[in-house]
Amino acid sequence: MKKIIFFAIVFCCLFINKEASAQKVYKVDYESRADVKVYVVDYESRADLVVYKADYESRASGNKGIWYFVDYESRADVKVYFVDYESRADLKVYYADYESRAGWKNSSKKSLME
């Protein structure tokens, strides 16, 4: 019985931690410092990820395209560098005006932001 309770607690902690991790993003100045190279597209249909920029850190949740830009690199979950050419990007994003529009269009690239 103790083993079942132990594994249940461990599983819940891992699951909660994964879902609770905010998508805190830091924009780096040099490509070599980035985890992901990002290109901003003009049309939602061309994006891998539709991003909504949250005003508050508490609004960013999981890997769902709701980003909160932090002021310090040490506080970020992911460091991004914005490239000038689409061909240089790992990930293409489109900025949405509404939180409800955020999400993955190309789920094969989801691991880039984890």
PDB file of N, CA and C in Angstrom:
ATOM      1  N   MET A   1       0.821  -1.192   0.000  1.00  0.00           N
ATOM      2  CA  MET A   1       0.000   0.000   0.000  1.00  0.00           C
ATOM      3  C   MET A   1       0.873   1.268   0.000  1.00  0.00           C
ATOM      4  N   LYS A   2       1.962   1.207   0.764  1.00  0.00           N
ATOM      5  CA  LYS A   2       2.849   2.369   0.846  1.00  0.00           C
ATOM      6  C   LYS A   2       3.484   2.662  -0.519  1.00  0.00           C
ATOM      7  N   LYS A   3       3.801   1.594  -1.262  1.00  0.00           N
ATOM      8  CA  LYS A   3       4.401   1.779  -2.584  1.00  0.00           C
ATOM      9  C   LYS A   3       3.424   2.465  -3.533  1.00  0.00           C
ATOM     10  N   ILE A   4       2.174   2.085  -3.469  1.00  0.00           N
ATOM     11  CA  ILE A   4       1.152   2.695  -4.337  1.00  0.00           C
ATOM     12  C   ILE A   4       1.012   4.176  -4.022  1.00  0.00           C
ATOM     13  N   ILE A   5       0.945   4.505  -2.756  1.00  0.00           N
ATOM     14  CA  ILE A   5       0.819   5.911  -2.346  1.00  0.00           C
ATOM     15  C   ILE A   5       2.048   6.692  -2.778  1.00  0.00           C
ATOM     16  N   PHE A   6       3.236   6.104  -2.580  1.00  0.00           N
ATOM     17  CA  PHE A   6       4.476   6.756  -2.972  1.00  0.00           C
ATOM     18  C   PHE A   6       4.491   7.066  -4.472  1.00  0.00           C
ATOM     19  N   PHE A   7       4.176   6.065  -5.301  1.00  0.00           N
ATOM     20  CA  PHE A   7       4.179   6.272  -6.746  1.00  0.00           C
ATOM     21  C   PHE A   7       3.096   7.255  -7.191  1.00  0.00           C
ATOM     22  N   ALA A   8       1.964   7.248  -6.515  1.00  0.00           N
ATOM     23  CA  ALA A   8       0.899   8.203  -6.828  1.00  0.00           C
ATOM     24  C   ALA A   8       1.355   9.627  -6.549  1.00  0.00           C
ATOM     25  N   ILE A   9       2.042   9.817  -5.431  1.00  0.00           N
ATOM     26  CA  ILE A   9       2.543  11.150  -5.083  1.00  0.00           C
ATOM     27  C   ILE A   9       3.603  11.599  -6.076  1.00  0.00           C
ATOM     28  N   VAL A  10       4.531  10.715  -6.413  1.00  0.00           N
ATOM     29  CA  VAL A  10       5.586  11.049  -7.375  1.00  0.00           C
ATOM     30  C   VAL A  10       4.972  11.395  -8.731  1.00  0.00           C
ATOM     31  N   PHE A  11       4.037  10.587  -9.192  1.00  0.00           N
ATOM     32  CA  PHE A  11       3.381  10.840 -10.475  1.00  0.00           C
ATOM     33  C   PHE A  11       2.671  12.193 -10.474  1.00  0.00           C
ATOM     34  N   CYS A  12       1.940  12.477  -9.416  1.00  0.00           N
ATOM     35  CA  CYS A  12       1.223  13.762  -9.335  1.00  0.00           C
ATOM     36  C   CYS A  12       2.186  14.936  -9.333  1.00  0.00           C
ATOM     37  N   CYS A  13       3.287  14.805  -8.596  1.00  0.00           N
ATOM     38  CA  CYS A  13       4.270  15.895  -8.558  1.00  0.00           C
ATOM     39  C   CYS A  13       4.879  16.144  -9.929  1.00  0.00           C
ATOM     40  N   LEU A  14       5.215  15.081 -10.635  1.00  0.00           N
ATOM     41  CA  LEU A  14       5.780  15.232 -11.973  1.00  0.00           C
ATOM     42  C   LEU A  14       4.773  15.845 -12.928  1.00  0.00           C
ATOM     43  N   PHE A  15       3.543  15.388 -12.878  1.00  0.00           N
ATOM     44  CA  PHE A  15       2.496  15.896 -13.757  1.00  0.00           C
ATOM     45  C   PHE A  15       2.189  17.358 -13.463  1.00  0.00           C
ATOM     46  N   ILE A  16       2.043  17.682 -12.202  1.00  0.00           N
ATOM     47  CA  ILE A  16       1.726  19.059 -11.815  1.00  0.00           C
ATOM     48  C   ILE A  16       2.872  19.982 -12.196  1.00  0.00           C
ATOM     49  N   ASN A  17       4.101  19.563 -11.963  1.00  0.00           N
ATOM     50  CA  ASN A  17       5.256  20.380 -12.303  1.00  0.00           C
ATOM     51  C   ASN A  17       5.315  20.657 -13.793  1.00  0.00           C
ATOM     52  N   LYS A  18       5.041  19.670 -14.614  1.00  0.00           N
ATOM     53  CA  LYS A  18       5.079  19.829 -16.068  1.00  0.00           C
ATOM     54  C   LYS A  18       4.009  20.814 -16.540  1.00  0.00           C
ATOM     55  N   GLU A  19       2.818  20.696 -16.008  1.00  0.00           N
ATOM     56  CA  GLU A  19       1.724  21.561 -16.421  1.00  0.00           C
ATOM     57  C   GLU A  19       1.857  22.966 -15.842  1.00  0.00           C
ATOM     58  N   ALA A  20       2.461  23.070 -14.672  1.00  0.00           N
ATOM     59  CA  ALA A  20       2.536  24.360 -14.003  1.00  0.00           C
ATOM     60  C   ALA A  20       3.689  25.219 -14.508  1.00  0.00           C
ATOM     61  N   SER A  21       4.625  24.624 -15.203  1.00  0.00           N
ATOM     62  CA  SER A  21       5.766  25.407 -15.656  1.00  0.00           C
ATOM     63  C   SER A  21       5.305  26.455 -16.664  1.00  0.00           C
ATOM     64  N   ALA A  22       5.577  27.679 -16.313  1.00  0.00           N
ATOM     65  CA  ALA A  22       5.182  28.785 -17.174  1.00  0.00           C
ATOM     66  C   ALA A  22       6.082  28.847 -18.388  1.00  0.00           C
ATOM     67  N   GLN A  23       5.587  29.392 -19.453  1.00  0.00           N
ATOM     68  CA  GLN A  23       6.380  29.558 -20.653  1.00  0.00           C
ATOM     69  C   GLN A  23       7.001  30.952 -20.571  1.00  0.00           C
ATOM     70  N   LYS A  24       8.019  31.054 -19.723  1.00  0.00           N
ATOM     71  CA  LYS A  24       8.726  32.309 -19.543  1.00  0.00           C
ATOM     72  C   LYS A  24       9.844  32.363 -20.570  1.00  0.00           C
ATOM     73  N   VAL A  25       9.848  33.427 -21.338  1.00  0.00           N
ATOM     74  CA  VAL A  25      10.749  33.544 -22.483  1.00  0.00           C
ATOM     75  C   VAL A  25      11.653  34.759 -22.297  1.00  0.00           C
ATOM     76  N   TYR A  26      12.909  34.595 -22.684  1.00  0.00           N
ATOM     77  CA  TYR A  26      13.861  35.698 -22.667  1.00  0.00           C
ATOM     78  C   TYR A  26      14.436  35.864 -24.062  1.00  0.00           C
ATOM     79  N   LYS A  27      14.451  37.095 -24.534  1.00  0.00           N
ATOM     80  CA  LYS A  27      14.986  37.406 -25.860  1.00  0.00           C
ATOM     81  C   LYS A  27      16.468  37.724 -25.716  1.00  0.00           C
ATOM     82  N   VAL A  28      17.303  36.867 -26.327  1.00  0.00           N
ATOM     83  CA  VAL A  28      18.753  37.077 -26.266  1.00  0.00           C
ATOM     84  C   VAL A  28      19.213  37.920 -27.446  1.00  0.00           C
ATOM     85  N   ASP A  29      20.380  38.521 -27.284  1.00  0.00           N
ATOM     86  CA  ASP A  29      20.921  39.400 -28.321  1.00  0.00           C
ATOM     87  C   ASP A  29      21.808  38.676 -29.327  1.00  0.00           C
ATOM     88  N   TYR A  30      22.223  37.458 -28.971  1.00  0.00           N
ATOM     89  CA  TYR A  30      23.130  36.718 -29.839  1.00  0.00           C
ATOM     90  C   TYR A  30      22.559  35.332 -30.126  1.00  0.00           C
ATOM     91  N   GLU A  31      22.618  34.943 -31.372  1.00  0.00           N
ATOM     92  CA  GLU A  31      22.085  33.657 -31.826  1.00  0.00           C
ATOM     93  C   GLU A  31      22.692  32.482 -31.058  1.00  0.00           C
ATOM     94  N   SER A  32      23.960  32.580 -30.750  1.00  0.00           N
ATOM     95  CA  SER A  32      24.658  31.485 -30.063  1.00  0.00           C
ATOM     96  C   SER A  32      24.156  31.260 -28.635  1.00  0.00           C
ATOM     97  N   ARG A  33      23.487  32.227 -28.045  1.00  0.00           N
ATOM     98  CA  ARG A  33      22.975  32.118 -26.676  1.00  0.00           C
ATOM     99  C   ARG A  33      21.555  31.554 -26.623  1.00  0.00           C
ATOM    100  N   ALA A  34      20.941  31.364 -27.786  1.00  0.00           N
ATOM    101  CA  ALA A  34      19.528  30.967 -27.834  1.00  0.00           C
ATOM    102  C   ALA A  34      19.329  29.465 -27.774  1.00  0.00           C
ATOM    103  N   ASP A  35      18.186  29.091 -27.192  1.00  0.00           N
ATOM    104  CA  ASP A  35      17.728  27.705 -27.238  1.00  0.00           C
ATOM    105  C   ASP A  35      16.978  27.463 -28.545  1.00  0.00           C
ATOM    106  N   VAL A  36      16.269  28.504 -28.994  1.00  0.00           N
ATOM    107  CA  VAL A  36      15.426  28.392 -30.188  1.00  0.00           C
ATOM    108  C   VAL A  36      15.559  29.662 -31.016  1.00  0.00           C
ATOM    109  N   LYS A  37      15.708  29.478 -32.342  1.00  0.00           N
ATOM    110  CA  LYS A  37      15.718  30.616 -33.263  1.00  0.00           C
ATOM    111  C   LYS A  37      14.298  30.776 -33.806  1.00  0.00           C
ATOM    112  N   VAL A  38      13.760  31.980 -33.691  1.00  0.00           N
ATOM    113  CA  VAL A  38      12.358  32.244 -34.003  1.00  0.00           C
ATOM    114  C   VAL A  38      12.234  33.267 -35.122  1.00  0.00           C
ATOM    115  N   TYR A  39      11.280  33.011 -35.997  1.00  0.00           N
ATOM    116  CA  TYR A  39      10.946  33.966 -37.057  1.00  0.00           C
ATOM    117  C   TYR A  39       9.455  34.303 -36.914  1.00  0.00           C
ATOM    118  N   VAL A  40       9.135  35.575 -36.973  1.00  0.00           N
ATOM    119  CA  VAL A  40       7.749  36.022 -36.853  1.00  0.00           C
ATOM    120  C   VAL A  40       7.153  36.138 -38.248  1.00  0.00           C
ATOM    121  N   VAL A  41       6.085  35.382 -38.498  1.00  0.00           N
ATOM    122  CA  VAL A  41       5.421  35.392 -39.805  1.00  0.00           C
ATOM    123  C   VAL A  41       4.261  36.376 -39.809  1.00  0.00           C
ATOM    124  N   ASP A  42       3.825  36.761 -41.007  1.00  0.00           N
ATOM    125  CA  ASP A  42       2.755  37.739 -41.159  1.00  0.00           C
ATOM    126  C   ASP A  42       1.365  37.124 -41.118  1.00  0.00           C
ATOM    127  N   TYR A  43       1.287  35.824 -41.352  1.00  0.00           N
ATOM    128  CA  TYR A  43      -0.019  35.172 -41.425  1.00  0.00           C
ATOM    129  C   TYR A  43      -0.059  33.953 -40.507  1.00  0.00           C
ATOM    130  N   GLU A  44      -1.147  33.794 -39.824  1.00  0.00           N
ATOM    131  CA  GLU A  44      -1.326  32.677 -38.895  1.00  0.00           C
ATOM    132  C   GLU A  44      -1.157  31.327 -39.581  1.00  0.00           C
ATOM    133  N   SER A  45      -1.598  31.238 -40.815  1.00  0.00           N
ATOM    134  CA  SER A  45      -1.538  29.973 -41.556  1.00  0.00           C
ATOM    135  C   SER A  45      -0.106  29.514 -41.830  1.00  0.00           C
ATOM    136  N   ARG A  46       0.861  30.405 -41.725  1.00  0.00           N
ATOM    137  CA  ARG A  46       2.263  30.063 -41.992  1.00  0.00           C
ATOM    138  C   ARG A  46       3.037  29.732 -40.727  1.00  0.00           C
ATOM    139  N   ALA A  47       2.383  29.821 -39.580  1.00  0.00           N
ATOM    140  CA  ALA A  47       3.061  29.645 -38.294  1.00  0.00           C
ATOM    141  C   ALA A  47       3.071  28.197 -37.822  1.00  0.00           C
ATOM    142  N   ASP A  48       4.111  27.872 -37.074  1.00  0.00           N
ATOM    143  CA  ASP A  48       4.165  26.607 -36.350  1.00  0.00           C
ATOM    144  C   ASP A  48       3.446  26.758 -35.012  1.00  0.00           C
ATOM    145  N   LEU A  49       3.515  27.967 -34.475  1.00  0.00           N
ATOM    146  CA  LEU A  49       2.942  28.267 -33.170  1.00  0.00           C
ATOM    147  C   LEU A  49       2.314  29.652 -33.181  1.00  0.00           C
ATOM    148  N   VAL A  50       1.088  29.730 -32.714  1.00  0.00           N
ATOM    149  CA  VAL A  50       0.433  31.026 -32.528  1.00  0.00           C
ATOM    150  C   VAL A  50       0.675  31.429 -31.076  1.00  0.00           C
ATOM    151  N   VAL A  51       1.281  32.593 -30.890  1.00  0.00           N
ATOM    152  CA  VAL A  51       1.705  33.053 -29.571  1.00  0.00           C
ATOM    153  C   VAL A  51       0.856  34.234 -29.123  1.00  0.00           C
ATOM    154  N   TYR A  52       0.486  34.174 -27.852  1.00  0.00           N
ATOM    155  CA  TYR A  52      -0.153  35.321 -27.213  1.00  0.00           C
ATOM    156  C   TYR A  52       0.816  35.824 -26.148  1.00  0.00           C
ATOM    157  N   LYS A  53       1.135  37.116 -26.180  1.00  0.00           N
ATOM    158  CA  LYS A  53       2.040  37.691 -25.193  1.00  0.00           C
ATOM    159  C   LYS A  53       1.243  38.084 -23.957  1.00  0.00           C
ATOM    160  N   ALA A  54       1.500  37.396 -22.864  1.00  0.00           N
ATOM    161  CA  ALA A  54       0.799  37.651 -21.608  1.00  0.00           C
ATOM    162  C   ALA A  54       1.370  38.882 -20.913  1.00  0.00           C
ATOM    163  N   ASP A  55       0.499  39.618 -20.248  1.00  0.00           N
ATOM    164  CA  ASP A  55       0.919  40.804 -19.498  1.00  0.00           C
ATOM    165  C   ASP A  55       1.453  40.443 -18.116  1.00  0.00           C
ATOM    166  N   TYR A  56       1.057  39.280 -17.634  1.00  0.00           N
ATOM    167  CA  TYR A  56       1.448  38.849 -16.298  1.00  0.00           C
ATOM    168  C   TYR A  56       2.017  37.438 -16.356  1.00  0.00           C
ATOM    169  N   GLU A  57       3.051  37.201 -15.561  1.00  0.00           N
ATOM    170  CA  GLU A  57       3.703  35.895 -15.525  1.00  0.00           C
ATOM    171  C   GLU A  57       2.718  34.782 -15.170  1.00  0.00           C
ATOM    172  N   SER A  58       1.786  35.070 -14.314  1.00  0.00           N
ATOM    173  CA  SER A  58       0.818  34.058 -13.875  1.00  0.00           C
ATOM    174  C   SER A  58      -0.121  33.609 -15.001  1.00  0.00           C
ATOM    175  N   ARG A  59      -0.226  34.373 -16.064  1.00  0.00           N
ATOM    176  CA  ARG A  59      -1.101  34.024 -17.198  1.00  0.00           C
ATOM    177  C   ARG A  59      -0.435  33.031 -18.146  1.00  0.00           C
ATOM    178  N   ALA A  60       0.876  32.959 -18.114  1.00  0.00           N
ATOM    179  CA  ALA A  60       1.595  32.024 -18.983  1.00  0.00           C
ATOM    180  C   ALA A  60       1.493  30.634 -18.377  1.00  0.00           C
ATOM    181  N   SER A  61       1.093  29.674 -19.197  1.00  0.00           N
ATOM    182  CA  SER A  61       0.906  28.332 -18.648  1.00  0.00           C
ATOM    183  C   SER A  61       1.343  27.267 -19.632  1.00  0.00           C
ATOM    184  N   GLY A  62       2.201  26.393 -19.161  1.00  0.00           N
ATOM    185  CA  GLY A  62       2.618  25.241 -19.952  1.00  0.00           C
ATOM    186  C   GLY A  62       3.200  25.610 -21.300  1.00  0.00           C
ATOM    187  N   ASN A  63       3.105  24.681 -22.212  1.00  0.00           N
ATOM    188  CA  ASN A  63       3.654  24.849 -23.555  1.00  0.00           C
ATOM    189  C   ASN A  63       2.486  25.022 -24.531  1.00  0.00           C
ATOM    190  N   LYS A  64       1.700  26.075 -24.303  1.00  0.00           N
ATOM    191  CA  LYS A  64       0.477  26.278 -25.072  1.00  0.00           C
ATOM    192  C   LYS A  64       0.508  27.534 -25.933  1.00  0.00           C
ATOM    193  N   GLY A  65       1.664  28.182 -26.007  1.00  0.00           N
ATOM    194  CA  GLY A  65       1.768  29.371 -26.837  1.00  0.00           C
ATOM    195  C   GLY A  65       1.468  30.671 -26.120  1.00  0.00           C
ATOM    196  N   ILE A  66       1.354  30.620 -24.812  1.00  0.00           N
ATOM    197  CA  ILE A  66       1.158  31.847 -24.035  1.00  0.00           C
ATOM    198  C   ILE A  66       2.505  32.171 -23.401  1.00  0.00           C
ATOM    199  N   TRP A  67       3.120  33.207 -23.920  1.00  0.00           N
ATOM    200  CA  TRP A  67       4.464  33.572 -23.507  1.00  0.00           C
ATOM    201  C   TRP A  67       4.443  34.794 -22.615  1.00  0.00           C
ATOM    202  N   TYR A  68       5.320  34.771 -21.643  1.00  0.00           N
ATOM    203  CA  TYR A  68       5.587  35.942 -20.818  1.00  0.00           C
ATOM    204  C   TYR A  68       7.076  36.245 -20.946  1.00  0.00           C
ATOM    205  N   PHE A  69       7.399  37.431 -21.420  1.00  0.00           N
ATOM    206  CA  PHE A  69       8.795  37.817 -21.606  1.00  0.00           C
ATOM    207  C   PHE A  69       9.360  38.353 -20.295  1.00  0.00           C
ATOM    208  N   VAL A  70      10.385  37.668 -19.797  1.00  0.00           N
ATOM    209  CA  VAL A  70      11.018  38.060 -18.542  1.00  0.00           C
ATOM    210  C   VAL A  70      12.169  39.015 -18.813  1.00  0.00           C
ATOM    211  N   ASP A  71      12.569  39.741 -17.778  1.00  0.00           N
ATOM    212  CA  ASP A  71      13.624  40.745 -17.909  1.00  0.00           C
ATOM    213  C   ASP A  71      15.027  40.181 -17.703  1.00  0.00           C
ATOM    214  N   TYR A  72      15.088  38.998 -17.104  1.00  0.00           N
ATOM    215  CA  TYR A  72      16.389  38.411 -16.796  1.00  0.00           C
ATOM    216  C   TYR A  72      16.485  36.997 -17.360  1.00  0.00           C
ATOM    217  N   GLU A  73      17.618  36.711 -17.971  1.00  0.00           N
ATOM    218  CA  GLU A  73      17.853  35.413 -18.602  1.00  0.00           C
ATOM    219  C   GLU A  73      17.697  34.261 -17.603  1.00  0.00           C
ATOM    220  N   SER A  74      18.141  34.484 -16.382  1.00  0.00           N
ATOM    221  CA  SER A  74      18.089  33.428 -15.369  1.00  0.00           C
ATOM    222  C   SER A  74      16.656  33.038 -14.982  1.00  0.00           C
ATOM    223  N   ARG A  75      15.697  33.873 -15.274  1.00  0.00           N
ATOM    224  CA  ARG A  75      14.296  33.592 -14.932  1.00  0.00           C
ATOM    225  C   ARG A  75      13.546  32.882 -16.058  1.00  0.00           C
ATOM    226  N   ALA A  76      14.178  32.706 -17.193  1.00  0.00           N
ATOM    227  CA  ALA A  76      13.506  32.163 -18.377  1.00  0.00           C
ATOM    228  C   ALA A  76      13.505  30.642 -18.411  1.00  0.00           C
ATOM    229  N   ASP A  77      12.437  30.106 -18.985  1.00  0.00           N
ATOM    230  CA  ASP A  77      12.368  28.682 -19.302  1.00  0.00           C
ATOM    231  C   ASP A  77      13.037  28.423 -20.646  1.00  0.00           C
ATOM    232  N   VAL A  78      12.904  29.387 -21.549  1.00  0.00           N
ATOM    233  CA  VAL A  78      13.442  29.254 -22.908  1.00  0.00           C
ATOM    234  C   VAL A  78      14.045  30.585 -23.341  1.00  0.00           C
ATOM    235  N   LYS A  79      15.214  30.506 -23.979  1.00  0.00           N
ATOM    236  CA  LYS A  79      15.852  31.698 -24.524  1.00  0.00           C
ATOM    237  C   LYS A  79      15.672  31.676 -26.033  1.00  0.00           C
ATOM    238  N   VAL A  80      15.153  32.765 -26.583  1.00  0.00           N
ATOM    239  CA  VAL A  80      14.888  32.824 -28.019  1.00  0.00           C
ATOM    240  C   VAL A  80      15.697  33.940 -28.663  1.00  0.00           C
ATOM    241  N   TYR A  81      16.012  33.711 -29.929  1.00  0.00           N
ATOM    242  CA  TYR A  81      16.663  34.723 -30.753  1.00  0.00           C
ATOM    243  C   TYR A  81      15.809  34.896 -31.995  1.00  0.00           C
ATOM    244  N   PHE A  82      15.454  36.122 -32.306  1.00  0.00           N
ATOM    245  CA  PHE A  82      14.614  36.407 -33.459  1.00  0.00           C
ATOM    246  C   PHE A  82      15.488  36.626 -34.683  1.00  0.00           C
ATOM    247  N   VAL A  83      15.312  35.757 -35.674  1.00  0.00           N
ATOM    248  CA  VAL A  83      16.103  35.828 -36.909  1.00  0.00           C
ATOM    249  C   VAL A  83      15.379  36.682 -37.946  1.00  0.00           C
ATOM    250  N   ASP A  84      16.151  37.169 -38.923  1.00  0.00           N
ATOM    251  CA  ASP A  84      15.603  38.028 -39.971  1.00  0.00           C
ATOM    252  C   ASP A  84      15.070  37.257 -41.174  1.00  0.00           C
ATOM    253  N   TYR A  85      15.466  35.996 -41.271  1.00  0.00           N
ATOM    254  CA  TYR A  85      15.058  35.200 -42.428  1.00  0.00           C
ATOM    255  C   TYR A  85      14.379  33.904 -41.973  1.00  0.00           C
ATOM    256  N   GLU A  86      13.285  33.589 -42.613  1.00  0.00           N
ATOM    257  CA  GLU A  86      12.501  32.399 -42.278  1.00  0.00           C
ATOM    258  C   GLU A  86      13.335  31.122 -42.372  1.00  0.00           C
ATOM    259  N   SER A  87      14.229  31.062 -43.344  1.00  0.00           N
ATOM    260  CA  SER A  87      15.040  29.865 -43.560  1.00  0.00           C
ATOM    261  C   SER A  87      16.019  29.589 -42.416  1.00  0.00           C
ATOM    262  N   ARG A  88      16.300  30.581 -41.595  1.00  0.00           N
ATOM    263  CA  ARG A  88      17.238  30.430 -40.473  1.00  0.00           C
ATOM    264  C   ARG A  88      16.541  30.026 -39.185  1.00  0.00           C
ATOM    265  N   ALA A  89      15.225  29.963 -39.198  1.00  0.00           N
ATOM    266  CA  ALA A  89      14.448  29.740 -37.973  1.00  0.00           C
ATOM    267  C   ALA A  89      14.227  28.266 -37.663  1.00  0.00           C
ATOM    268  N   ASP A  90      14.197  27.978 -36.369  1.00  0.00           N
ATOM    269  CA  ASP A  90      13.779  26.664 -35.894  1.00  0.00           C
ATOM    270  C   ASP A  90      12.254  26.629 -35.765  1.00  0.00           C
ATOM    271  N   LEU A  91      11.688  27.788 -35.465  1.00  0.00           N
ATOM    272  CA  LEU A  91      10.263  27.897 -35.153  1.00  0.00           C
ATOM    273  C   LEU A  91       9.690  29.174 -35.753  1.00  0.00           C
ATOM    274  N   LYS A  92       8.546  29.044 -36.421  1.00  0.00           N
ATOM    275  CA  LYS A  92       7.852  30.213 -36.970  1.00  0.00           C
ATOM    276  C   LYS A  92       6.652  30.507 -36.080  1.00  0.00           C
ATOM    277  N   VAL A  93       6.555  31.763 -35.637  1.00  0.00           N
ATOM    278  CA  VAL A  93       5.454  32.143 -34.758  1.00  0.00           C
ATOM    279  C   VAL A  93       4.647  33.289 -35.356  1.00  0.00           C
ATOM    280  N   TYR A  94       3.400  33.333 -34.946  1.00  0.00           N
ATOM    281  CA  TYR A  94       2.503  34.426 -35.302  1.00  0.00           C
ATOM    282  C   TYR A  94       1.942  34.951 -33.989  1.00  0.00           C
ATOM    283  N   TYR A  95       1.952  36.276 -33.812  1.00  0.00           N
ATOM    284  CA  TYR A  95       1.431  36.862 -32.589  1.00  0.00           C
ATOM    285  C   TYR A  95      -0.065  37.118 -32.723  1.00  0.00           C
ATOM    286  N   ALA A  96      -0.821  36.527 -31.810  1.00  0.00           N
ATOM    287  CA  ALA A  96      -2.272  36.685 -31.801  1.00  0.00           C
ATOM    288  C   ALA A  96      -2.664  37.822 -30.867  1.00  0.00           C
ATOM    289  N   ASP A  97      -3.809  38.426 -31.165  1.00  0.00           N
ATOM    290  CA  ASP A  97      -4.337  39.500 -30.329  1.00  0.00           C
ATOM    291  C   ASP A  97      -5.149  38.963 -29.155  1.00  0.00           C
ATOM    292  N   TYR A  98      -5.545  37.714 -29.241  1.00  0.00           N
ATOM    293  CA  TYR A  98      -6.394  37.121 -28.210  1.00  0.00           C
ATOM    294  C   TYR A  98      -5.781  35.825 -27.698  1.00  0.00           C
ATOM    295  N   GLU A  99      -5.851  35.639 -26.394  1.00  0.00           N
ATOM    296  CA  GLU A  99      -5.295  34.444 -25.756  1.00  0.00           C
ATOM    297  C   GLU A  99      -5.918  33.161 -26.297  1.00  0.00           C
ATOM    298  N   SER A 100      -7.175  33.207 -26.637  1.00  0.00           N
ATOM    299  CA  SER A 100      -7.878  32.017 -27.118  1.00  0.00           C
ATOM    300  C   SER A 100      -7.342  31.516 -28.465  1.00  0.00           C
ATOM    301  N   ARG A 101      -6.628  32.340 -29.197  1.00  0.00           N
ATOM    302  CA  ARG A 101      -6.072  31.954 -30.501  1.00  0.00           C
ATOM    303  C   ARG A 101      -4.736  31.224 -30.360  1.00  0.00           C
ATOM    304  N   ALA A 102      -4.093  31.310 -29.192  1.00  0.00           N
ATOM    305  CA  ALA A 102      -2.775  30.722 -28.985  1.00  0.00           C
ATOM    306  C   ALA A 102      -2.830  29.205 -29.065  1.00  0.00           C
ATOM    307  N   GLY A 103      -1.772  28.629 -29.628  1.00  0.00           N
ATOM    308  CA  GLY A 103      -1.673  27.175 -29.680  1.00  0.00           C
ATOM    309  C   GLY A 103      -0.771  26.712 -30.807  1.00  0.00           C
ATOM    310  N   TRP A 104      -0.518  25.418 -30.799  1.00  0.00           N
ATOM    311  CA  TRP A 104       0.372  24.810 -31.782  1.00  0.00           C
ATOM    312  C   TRP A 104      -0.365  24.494 -33.072  1.00  0.00           C
ATOM    313  N   LYS A 105       0.229  24.867 -34.184  1.00  0.00           N
ATOM    314  CA  LYS A 105      -0.262  24.511 -35.512  1.00  0.00           C
ATOM    315  C   LYS A 105       0.535  23.328 -36.057  1.00  0.00           C
ATOM    316  N   ASN A 106       1.780  23.238 -35.627  1.00  0.00           N
ATOM    317  CA  ASN A 106       2.672  22.160 -36.050  1.00  0.00           C
ATOM    318  C   ASN A 106       3.213  21.490 -34.785  1.00  0.00           C
ATOM    319  N   SER A 107       2.514  20.500 -34.300  1.00  0.00           N
ATOM    320  CA  SER A 107       2.867  19.883 -33.023  1.00  0.00           C
ATOM    321  C   SER A 107       4.206  19.142 -33.055  1.00  0.00           C
ATOM    322  N   SER A 108       4.747  18.869 -34.224  1.00  0.00           N
ATOM    323  CA  SER A 108       6.043  18.201 -34.298  1.00  0.00           C
ATOM    324  C   SER A 108       7.173  19.085 -33.770  1.00  0.00           C
ATOM    325  N   LYS A 109       6.938  20.382 -33.671  1.00  0.00           N
ATOM    326  CA  LYS A 109       7.949  21.315 -33.181  1.00  0.00           C
ATOM    327  C   LYS A 109       7.744  21.659 -31.710  1.00  0.00           C
ATOM    328  N   LYS A 110       6.772  21.042 -31.085  1.00  0.00           N
ATOM    329  CA  LYS A 110       6.430  21.338 -29.698  1.00  0.00           C
ATOM    330  C   LYS A 110       7.615  21.126 -28.745  1.00  0.00           C
ATOM    331  N   SER A 111       8.441  20.149 -29.037  1.00  0.00           N
ATOM    332  CA  SER A 111       9.584  19.853 -28.163  1.00  0.00           C
ATOM    333  C   SER A 111      10.605  20.980 -28.108  1.00  0.00           C
ATOM    334  N   LEU A 112      10.600  21.867 -29.083  1.00  0.00           N
ATOM    335  CA  LEU A 112      11.535  23.006 -29.074  1.00  0.00           C
ATOM    336  C   LEU A 112      11.317  23.917 -27.887  1.00  0.00           C
ATOM    337  N   MET A 113      10.098  24.007 -27.417  1.00  0.00           N
ATOM    338  CA  MET A 113       9.765  24.934 -26.343  1.00  0.00           C
ATOM    339  C   MET A 113       9.608  24.239 -24.987  1.00  0.00           C
ATOM    340  N   GLU A 114      10.037  23.016 -24.882  1.00  0.00           N
ATOM    341  CA  GLU A 114       9.930  22.305 -23.603  1.00  0.00           C
ATOM    342  C   GLU A 114      11.223  22.370 -22.846  1.00  0.00           C
TER     343      GLU A 114
END
